[in-house]
């Protein structure tokens, strides 16, 4: 899908409800939910977020907050609903049942609804509302794929195939379409949930694209603060680093390449399972810098400073933002990534390993690759355009 450049007409105010009852809502983060809400608020739409109490704590771990109402970090009113209580909370959090969803929608009277995530009971209440209000446009987005969902037998056959799937099939007929964040998500929703592919639309995770002046300023500032000279090559790996993110593979490959021009910055959290080993590699090489968790603004500066975004393992929301920040990319060779590499990086597999990528990086045309990443981001990933997909007539 080509979202094109920003040439849309001025739009009237639209009332938009974002339902974060399956994919949870986290203040002060840069997830898709945050970005779309932020863009809708910036466009002067009337925005309401109906969310569960599920969130992240200061330590980056899953936690639960109190039900209530407040103005969220993205500028919209947030209503956090409790889970229903007729079964233990551990069960309710899997079934994703909440009281008062239909009532909150009736009170807000939205023109558009975006239900984030395909997994949850309250899709039925939302679809019922849409059917009762024929002028309302409902969109359901899917982040689910075989990498992050239905990985165990019970989860796949009971929770997803026999619970979430029938709910989605019943609800999606009330929706305009199901918006899938990746090609793998399209396959998952079609194959496991049984939704017809004609109802599925590619709606990628996006990013915010700095203009030339902002990019150049961020790049200069970021490289100066990190101590990166013009002739050095900066690689960045970011996010919560579990074993499946393959940070250890990156560190081993980096330690095996003694090119002094190569620099590696890690921005994120080290999972306990890999922390000790990862720290030993980091401490042994002064070309490697571990920053810990950084806020979205700081991460954007780091990505603009970088030459290559490195993601050898499972997918991360930062990859799309790295393209918006004009990074060449070195990412895992999976189906979902095929649309993001076209002369602007490396698809990593058993043939093109991190080791071989690092060897070729020293002589790679990184400036040309940067331009190609920028062009790809403008076509596919601009959150301003993605947000308009929800408000278009």
Protein backbone atom coordinates (compact mmCIF):
# COMPACT_ATOMS: atom_id res chain seq x y z
CA UNK A 1 0.00 0.00 0.00
CA UNK A 2 1.31 3.44 -0.94
CA UNK A 3 0.16 6.19 1.41
CA UNK A 4 1.86 8.84 -0.69
CA UNK A 5 2.89 12.27 0.47
CA UNK A 6 1.04 14.71 2.67
CA UNK A 7 -1.29 16.43 0.19
CA UNK A 8 -4.68 15.79 1.78
CA UNK A 9 -7.40 18.39 2.03
CA UNK A 10 -8.32 20.02 5.30
CA UNK A 11 -10.69 17.73 7.18
CA UNK A 12 -13.47 18.50 9.56
CA UNK A 13 -13.34 17.38 13.17
CA UNK A 14 -14.11 13.70 13.64
CA UNK A 15 -14.93 11.94 16.90
CA UNK A 16 -12.61 8.94 17.16
CA UNK A 17 -12.66 6.20 19.80
CA UNK A 18 -9.49 4.14 20.19
CA UNK A 19 -10.24 0.90 22.05
CA UNK A 20 -7.14 -0.53 23.69
CA UNK A 21 -8.69 -3.54 25.37
CA UNK A 22 -6.70 -6.16 23.51
CA UNK A 23 -3.49 -4.27 22.70
CA UNK A 24 -3.02 -2.29 25.87
CA UNK A 25 -2.36 1.45 26.14
CA UNK A 26 0.85 2.71 27.76
CA UNK A 27 1.38 6.41 28.51
CA UNK A 28 4.67 7.98 27.42
CA UNK A 29 5.50 5.23 24.92
CA UNK A 30 5.89 5.33 21.15
CA UNK A 31 3.76 2.34 20.21
CA UNK A 32 1.35 2.44 17.28
CA UNK A 33 -1.54 3.12 19.63
CA UNK A 34 0.24 6.18 21.02
CA UNK A 35 1.27 7.50 17.63
CA UNK A 36 -2.13 7.23 15.97
CA UNK A 37 -3.83 8.81 18.99
CA UNK A 38 -1.23 11.59 19.03
CA UNK A 39 -1.75 12.29 15.32
CA UNK A 40 -5.52 12.38 15.69
CA UNK A 41 -5.24 14.81 18.59
CA UNK A 42 -2.77 16.97 16.62
CA UNK A 43 -5.28 17.08 13.75
CA UNK A 44 -7.85 18.59 16.18
CA UNK A 45 -10.12 15.57 16.22
CA UNK A 46 -12.11 14.69 19.34
CA UNK A 47 -10.39 11.57 20.65
CA UNK A 48 -11.31 9.12 23.40
CA UNK A 49 -9.22 6.15 24.53
CA UNK A 50 -11.03 3.25 26.21
CA UNK A 51 -8.36 1.02 27.70
CA UNK A 52 -7.81 -1.85 30.07
CA UNK A 53 -5.79 -1.39 33.25
CA UNK A 54 -2.89 -3.29 31.67
CA UNK A 55 0.26 -1.20 31.20
CA UNK A 56 4.01 -1.13 31.78
CA UNK A 57 5.67 -0.08 35.00
CA UNK A 58 8.78 2.08 35.35
CA UNK A 59 10.87 -1.08 35.15
CA UNK A 60 9.45 -1.94 31.74
CA UNK A 61 7.53 -4.93 33.09
CA UNK A 62 3.84 -5.68 32.65
CA UNK A 63 1.69 -4.31 35.46
CA UNK A 64 -1.85 -3.13 36.19
CA UNK A 65 -3.04 0.32 37.14
CA UNK A 66 -6.32 1.47 38.69
CA UNK A 67 -9.54 2.04 36.73
CA UNK A 68 -10.37 5.70 36.21
CA UNK A 69 -10.34 8.67 33.86
CA UNK A 70 -7.57 11.15 33.04
CA UNK A 71 -5.91 13.01 30.17
CA UNK A 72 -3.26 10.72 28.74
CA UNK A 73 0.25 11.57 27.64
CA UNK A 74 -0.88 11.71 24.00
CA UNK A 75 -3.44 14.44 24.71
CA UNK A 76 -6.65 12.40 24.66
CA UNK A 77 -9.07 11.51 27.44
CA UNK A 78 -8.41 7.98 28.70
CA UNK A 79 -11.00 5.80 30.41
CA UNK A 80 -9.47 2.71 32.00
CA UNK A 81 -12.00 -0.03 32.62
CA UNK A 82 -11.63 -2.87 35.14
CA UNK A 83 -11.94 -6.50 34.16
CA UNK A 84 -15.21 -8.26 34.87
CA UNK A 85 -15.19 -10.12 38.15
CA UNK A 86 -17.31 -13.28 37.80
CA UNK A 87 -14.15 -15.33 37.16
CA UNK A 88 -10.65 -14.96 38.63
CA UNK A 89 -8.76 -11.93 37.31
CA UNK A 90 -6.10 -14.17 35.77
CA UNK A 91 -8.80 -15.69 33.57
CA UNK A 92 -10.53 -12.38 32.83
CA UNK A 93 -7.25 -10.93 31.58
CA UNK A 94 -7.09 -13.67 28.96
CA UNK A 95 -10.78 -13.45 28.05
CA UNK A 96 -10.51 -9.64 28.03
CA UNK A 97 -13.96 -8.92 29.35
CA UNK A 98 -14.74 -5.43 30.65
CA UNK A 99 -17.93 -3.81 31.93
CA UNK A 100 -19.32 -0.63 30.40
CA UNK A 101 -17.80 -0.64 26.90
CA UNK A 102 -21.09 -0.20 25.06
CA UNK A 103 -22.18 2.48 27.54
CA UNK A 104 -18.98 4.48 27.07
CA UNK A 105 -19.38 4.33 23.30
CA UNK A 106 -22.99 5.48 23.54
CA UNK A 107 -21.95 8.40 25.73
CA UNK A 108 -19.12 9.47 23.41
CA UNK A 109 -21.01 8.88 20.14
CA UNK A 110 -17.95 8.41 17.88
CA UNK A 111 -17.79 8.72 14.10
CA UNK A 112 -14.87 6.31 13.87
CA UNK A 113 -13.75 3.44 16.06
CA UNK A 114 -10.36 1.75 15.91
CA UNK A 115 -10.24 -1.44 17.97
CA UNK A 116 -6.58 -2.21 18.57
CA UNK A 117 -5.97 -5.97 18.44
CA UNK A 118 -8.22 -8.80 17.32
CA UNK A 119 -8.28 -10.72 20.60
CA UNK A 120 -11.03 -9.97 23.08
CA UNK A 121 -14.65 -10.32 24.09
CA UNK A 122 -15.40 -6.61 23.83
CA UNK A 123 -15.11 -6.77 20.05
CA UNK A 124 -18.68 -8.06 20.24
CA UNK A 125 -19.91 -5.03 22.17
CA UNK A 126 -18.08 -2.72 19.78
CA UNK A 127 -19.46 -4.45 16.69
CA UNK A 128 -22.98 -4.32 18.16
CA UNK A 129 -22.58 -0.58 18.63
CA UNK A 130 -21.41 -0.16 15.02
CA UNK A 131 -24.34 -2.17 13.69
CA UNK A 132 -26.75 0.00 15.67
CA UNK A 133 -25.16 3.18 14.31
CA UNK A 134 -24.80 2.70 10.58
CA UNK A 135 -22.95 6.00 10.08
CA UNK A 136 -20.08 4.81 12.30
CA UNK A 137 -17.00 3.31 10.66
CA UNK A 138 -15.34 0.55 12.67
CA UNK A 139 -11.80 -0.64 12.00
CA UNK A 140 -10.12 -3.57 13.74
CA UNK A 141 -6.36 -3.77 13.67
CA UNK A 142 -4.27 -6.89 14.11
CA UNK A 143 -0.77 -7.17 15.56
CA UNK A 144 -0.99 -10.96 15.93
CA UNK A 145 1.30 -13.32 14.05
CA UNK A 146 2.94 -16.69 14.59
CA UNK A 147 5.97 -15.03 16.18
CA UNK A 148 4.13 -13.47 19.12
CA UNK A 149 0.76 -15.21 19.41
CA UNK A 150 -0.65 -18.74 19.81
CA UNK A 151 2.81 -20.18 20.41
CA UNK A 152 1.64 -22.97 22.74
CA UNK A 153 -0.84 -25.76 22.05
CA UNK A 154 -3.44 -24.58 24.57
CA UNK A 155 -3.06 -20.96 23.52
CA UNK A 156 -3.38 -21.83 19.83
CA UNK A 157 -6.20 -24.40 19.92
CA UNK A 158 -8.29 -23.14 22.83
CA UNK A 159 -7.73 -19.43 23.29
CA UNK A 160 -7.08 -18.33 19.71
CA UNK A 161 -8.80 -20.86 17.45
CA UNK A 162 -11.90 -21.51 19.58
CA UNK A 163 -12.32 -18.23 21.49
CA UNK A 164 -10.71 -15.21 19.81
CA UNK A 165 -11.33 -16.53 16.29
CA UNK A 166 -15.14 -16.94 16.50
CA UNK A 167 -15.42 -13.53 18.21
CA UNK A 168 -13.45 -11.86 15.42
CA UNK A 169 -15.40 -13.60 12.66
CA UNK A 170 -18.66 -12.43 14.22
CA UNK A 171 -17.43 -8.88 14.74
CA UNK A 172 -15.56 -8.24 11.50
CA UNK A 173 -18.71 -8.15 9.38
CA UNK A 174 -19.53 -4.87 11.14
CA UNK A 175 -16.12 -3.40 10.32
CA UNK A 176 -14.83 -1.63 7.24
CA UNK A 177 -11.81 -3.93 7.24
CA UNK A 178 -9.24 -5.63 9.44
CA UNK A 179 -6.00 -3.65 9.35
CA UNK A 180 -2.96 -5.93 9.65
CA UNK A 181 0.40 -4.51 10.63
CA UNK A 182 2.43 -7.03 8.60
CA UNK A 183 2.21 -9.60 5.84
CA UNK A 184 2.64 -12.27 8.52
CA UNK A 185 -0.30 -10.83 10.42
CA UNK A 186 -2.43 -11.15 7.27
CA UNK A 187 -1.49 -14.83 7.04
CA UNK A 188 -2.19 -15.40 10.74
CA UNK A 189 -5.65 -13.81 10.72
CA UNK A 190 -6.63 -15.64 7.55
CA UNK A 191 -5.23 -19.06 8.47
CA UNK A 192 -5.95 -19.28 12.21
CA UNK A 193 -8.98 -17.04 12.66
CA UNK A 194 -10.58 -17.90 9.32
CA UNK A 195 -11.20 -14.34 8.12
CA UNK A 196 -11.45 -13.99 4.36
CA UNK A 197 -8.32 -12.37 2.90
CA UNK A 198 -10.45 -9.88 0.97
CA UNK A 199 -11.32 -8.34 4.35
CA UNK A 200 -7.67 -7.89 5.36
CA UNK A 201 -5.65 -4.77 4.60
CA UNK A 202 -1.93 -4.09 5.04
CA UNK A 203 -1.63 -1.25 7.56
CA UNK A 204 1.98 -1.19 8.70
CA UNK A 205 3.45 0.12 11.89
CA UNK A 206 4.78 3.53 11.00
CA UNK A 207 6.98 6.30 12.24
CA UNK A 208 7.47 10.04 12.36
CA UNK A 209 9.60 11.34 9.51
CA UNK A 210 11.89 14.29 10.30
CA UNK A 211 12.28 16.81 7.49
CA UNK A 212 15.75 17.56 6.13
CA UNK A 213 16.62 20.31 8.61
CA UNK A 214 15.37 18.37 11.63
CA UNK A 215 17.13 15.21 10.49
CA UNK A 216 20.44 16.97 9.93
CA UNK A 217 20.25 18.71 13.32
CA UNK A 218 19.35 15.49 15.14
CA UNK A 219 22.07 13.57 13.36
CA UNK A 220 24.73 16.14 14.19
CA UNK A 221 23.61 16.44 17.83
CA UNK A 222 23.25 12.69 18.30
CA UNK A 223 26.62 11.79 16.84
CA UNK A 224 28.33 14.51 18.88
CA UNK A 225 26.73 13.36 22.15
CA UNK A 226 27.66 9.74 21.42
CA UNK A 227 31.20 10.65 20.38
CA UNK A 228 30.83 9.36 16.80
CA UNK A 229 33.07 10.94 14.17
CA UNK A 230 32.09 11.48 10.54
CA UNK A 231 34.09 8.52 9.27
CA UNK A 232 32.78 6.06 11.86
CA UNK A 233 29.83 3.73 11.24
CA UNK A 234 27.22 3.68 13.98
CA UNK A 235 24.94 0.65 14.41
CA UNK A 236 22.00 0.72 16.81
CA UNK A 237 20.03 -2.16 18.33
CA UNK A 238 17.10 -1.18 20.52
CA UNK A 239 14.14 -2.43 22.52
CA UNK A 240 13.64 -5.08 25.17
CA UNK A 241 16.47 -7.49 24.51
CA UNK A 242 15.29 -11.04 25.11
CA UNK A 243 17.09 -14.12 23.80
CA UNK A 244 14.82 -14.08 20.74
CA UNK A 245 16.07 -10.58 19.83
CA UNK A 246 19.51 -12.18 19.27
CA UNK A 247 21.49 -9.38 20.90
CA UNK A 248 24.08 -11.95 21.92
CA UNK A 249 24.56 -12.85 18.26
CA UNK A 250 25.14 -9.16 17.49
CA UNK A 251 27.63 -8.79 20.32
CA UNK A 252 29.57 -11.92 19.39
CA UNK A 253 29.76 -10.83 15.75
CA UNK A 254 30.83 -7.35 16.74
CA UNK A 255 33.54 -8.65 19.05
CA UNK A 256 34.76 -10.84 16.19
CA UNK A 257 35.27 -7.81 13.94
CA UNK A 258 38.09 -5.50 15.02
CA UNK A 259 37.34 -2.65 12.62
CA UNK A 260 37.78 0.49 14.78
CA UNK A 261 35.33 2.44 12.58
CA UNK A 262 32.42 0.27 13.75
CA UNK A 263 30.50 1.49 16.79
CA UNK A 264 27.47 -0.18 18.41
CA UNK A 265 24.88 1.48 20.64
CA UNK A 266 22.29 -0.57 22.52
CA UNK A 267 19.21 1.33 23.70
CA UNK A 268 16.79 -0.77 25.71
CA UNK A 269 16.46 -3.25 28.54
CA UNK A 270 18.47 -6.45 28.95
CA UNK A 271 16.30 -9.42 29.84
CA UNK A 272 17.50 -11.28 32.94
CA UNK A 273 18.14 -14.43 30.88
CA UNK A 274 20.87 -12.75 28.79
CA UNK A 275 21.91 -9.85 31.02
CA UNK A 276 25.11 -11.24 32.54
CA UNK A 277 26.49 -12.58 29.26
CA UNK A 278 25.54 -9.44 27.35
CA UNK A 279 27.18 -7.19 29.94
CA UNK A 280 30.41 -9.18 29.73
CA UNK A 281 30.61 -8.51 25.98
CA UNK A 282 29.69 -4.85 26.40
CA UNK A 283 32.27 -4.22 29.11
CA UNK A 284 35.02 -5.92 27.09
CA UNK A 285 34.73 -3.60 24.07
CA UNK A 286 34.91 0.18 24.29
CA UNK A 287 33.31 0.44 20.84
CA UNK A 288 30.02 -0.76 22.41
CA UNK A 289 27.80 1.61 24.41
CA UNK A 290 24.81 0.47 26.48
CA UNK A 291 22.37 3.32 27.16
CA UNK A 292 19.54 1.46 28.87
CA UNK A 293 15.97 2.50 28.24
CA UNK A 294 15.55 5.86 26.49
CA UNK A 295 12.46 7.97 25.83
CA UNK A 296 11.01 8.20 22.28
CA UNK A 297 12.53 11.64 21.61
CA UNK A 298 16.01 10.47 22.60
CA UNK A 299 15.60 7.29 20.57
CA UNK A 300 14.71 9.33 17.48
CA UNK A 301 17.90 11.36 17.91
CA UNK A 302 19.93 8.16 18.27
CA UNK A 303 18.35 6.66 15.14
CA UNK A 304 19.06 9.82 13.14
CA UNK A 305 22.67 9.60 14.34
CA UNK A 306 22.91 5.97 13.26
CA UNK A 307 23.99 4.57 9.91
CA UNK A 308 22.56 1.05 10.34
CA UNK A 309 19.68 -0.24 12.43
CA UNK A 310 20.40 -3.80 13.53
CA UNK A 311 17.60 -6.29 14.27
CA UNK A 312 18.76 -9.88 13.76
CA UNK A 313 15.97 -11.45 15.84
CA UNK A 314 12.26 -11.02 16.37
CA UNK A 315 10.44 -7.93 15.20
CA UNK A 316 10.50 -4.59 16.99
CA UNK A 317 8.38 -1.47 16.61
CA UNK A 318 11.59 0.55 16.31
CA UNK A 319 12.51 -0.87 12.91
CA UNK A 320 9.93 1.23 11.08
CA UNK A 321 11.03 4.37 12.92
CA UNK A 322 14.63 3.62 11.95
CA UNK A 323 13.60 3.74 8.29
CA UNK A 324 11.88 7.07 8.93
CA UNK A 325 15.19 8.25 10.42
CA UNK A 326 16.96 7.20 7.20
CA UNK A 327 18.91 4.24 8.61
CA UNK A 328 20.05 1.41 6.44
CA UNK A 329 18.68 -1.75 8.03
CA UNK A 330 20.04 -5.20 8.81
CA UNK A 331 17.01 -7.27 9.77
CA UNK A 332 15.89 -10.88 9.97
CA UNK A 333 14.92 -12.46 6.64
CA UNK A 334 11.27 -13.18 7.38
CA UNK A 335 8.18 -12.68 5.23
CA UNK A 336 7.06 -9.59 7.15
CA UNK A 337 10.34 -7.79 6.43
CA UNK A 338 10.39 -8.34 2.66
CA UNK A 339 8.61 -5.03 1.98
CA UNK A 340 11.19 -3.02 3.93
CA UNK A 341 14.45 -3.95 2.20
CA UNK A 342 15.05 -2.82 -1.39
CA UNK A 343 18.61 -1.67 -1.85
CA UNK A 344 18.65 -0.09 1.59
CA UNK A 345 20.06 -2.86 3.73
CA UNK A 346 20.53 -6.54 4.45
CA UNK A 347 18.13 -9.40 5.12
CA UNK A 348 19.95 -11.58 7.63
CA UNK A 349 19.83 -15.36 7.25
CA UNK A 350 22.19 -18.34 7.26
CA UNK A 351 24.01 -16.96 4.21
CA UNK A 352 24.08 -13.26 5.09
CA UNK A 353 25.00 -13.39 8.76
CA UNK A 354 25.62 -10.50 11.13
CA UNK A 355 29.33 -11.26 10.76
CA UNK A 356 29.19 -10.91 6.96
CA UNK A 357 27.03 -7.81 7.19
CA UNK A 358 29.59 -6.14 9.47
CA UNK A 359 32.36 -7.04 7.02
CA UNK A 360 30.49 -5.47 4.10
CA UNK A 361 29.28 -2.43 6.06
CA UNK A 362 32.68 -0.75 5.92
CA UNK A 363 32.43 -0.40 2.12
CA UNK A 364 28.65 -0.21 1.72
CA UNK A 365 27.11 2.86 -0.01
CA UNK A 366 25.46 3.97 3.24
CA UNK A 367 24.44 7.43 1.98
CA UNK A 368 22.57 5.93 -0.98
CA UNK A 369 21.00 3.32 1.28
CA UNK A 370 19.89 6.09 3.64
CA UNK A 371 18.10 7.88 0.79
CA UNK A 372 16.32 4.68 -0.21
CA UNK A 373 15.13 4.10 3.37
CA UNK A 374 13.77 7.65 3.46
CA UNK A 375 11.91 7.17 0.18
CA UNK A 376 10.42 3.87 1.37
CA UNK A 377 9.33 5.47 4.66
CA UNK A 378 7.59 8.33 2.87
CA UNK A 379 5.61 5.84 0.77
CA UNK A 380 4.59 3.44 3.52
CA UNK A 381 5.26 4.59 7.05
CA UNK A 382 4.29 8.20 7.71
CA UNK A 383 1.99 8.15 10.75
CA UNK A 384 0.26 11.31 9.52
CA UNK A 385 -0.93 9.39 6.48
CA UNK A 386 -1.72 6.23 8.45
CA UNK A 387 -3.84 8.24 10.87
CA UNK A 388 -5.78 9.74 7.98
CA UNK A 389 -6.71 6.24 6.82
CA UNK A 390 -9.04 6.09 9.84
CA UNK A 391 -10.67 9.47 9.26
CA UNK A 392 -11.09 9.32 5.49
CA UNK A 393 -14.59 9.27 4.05
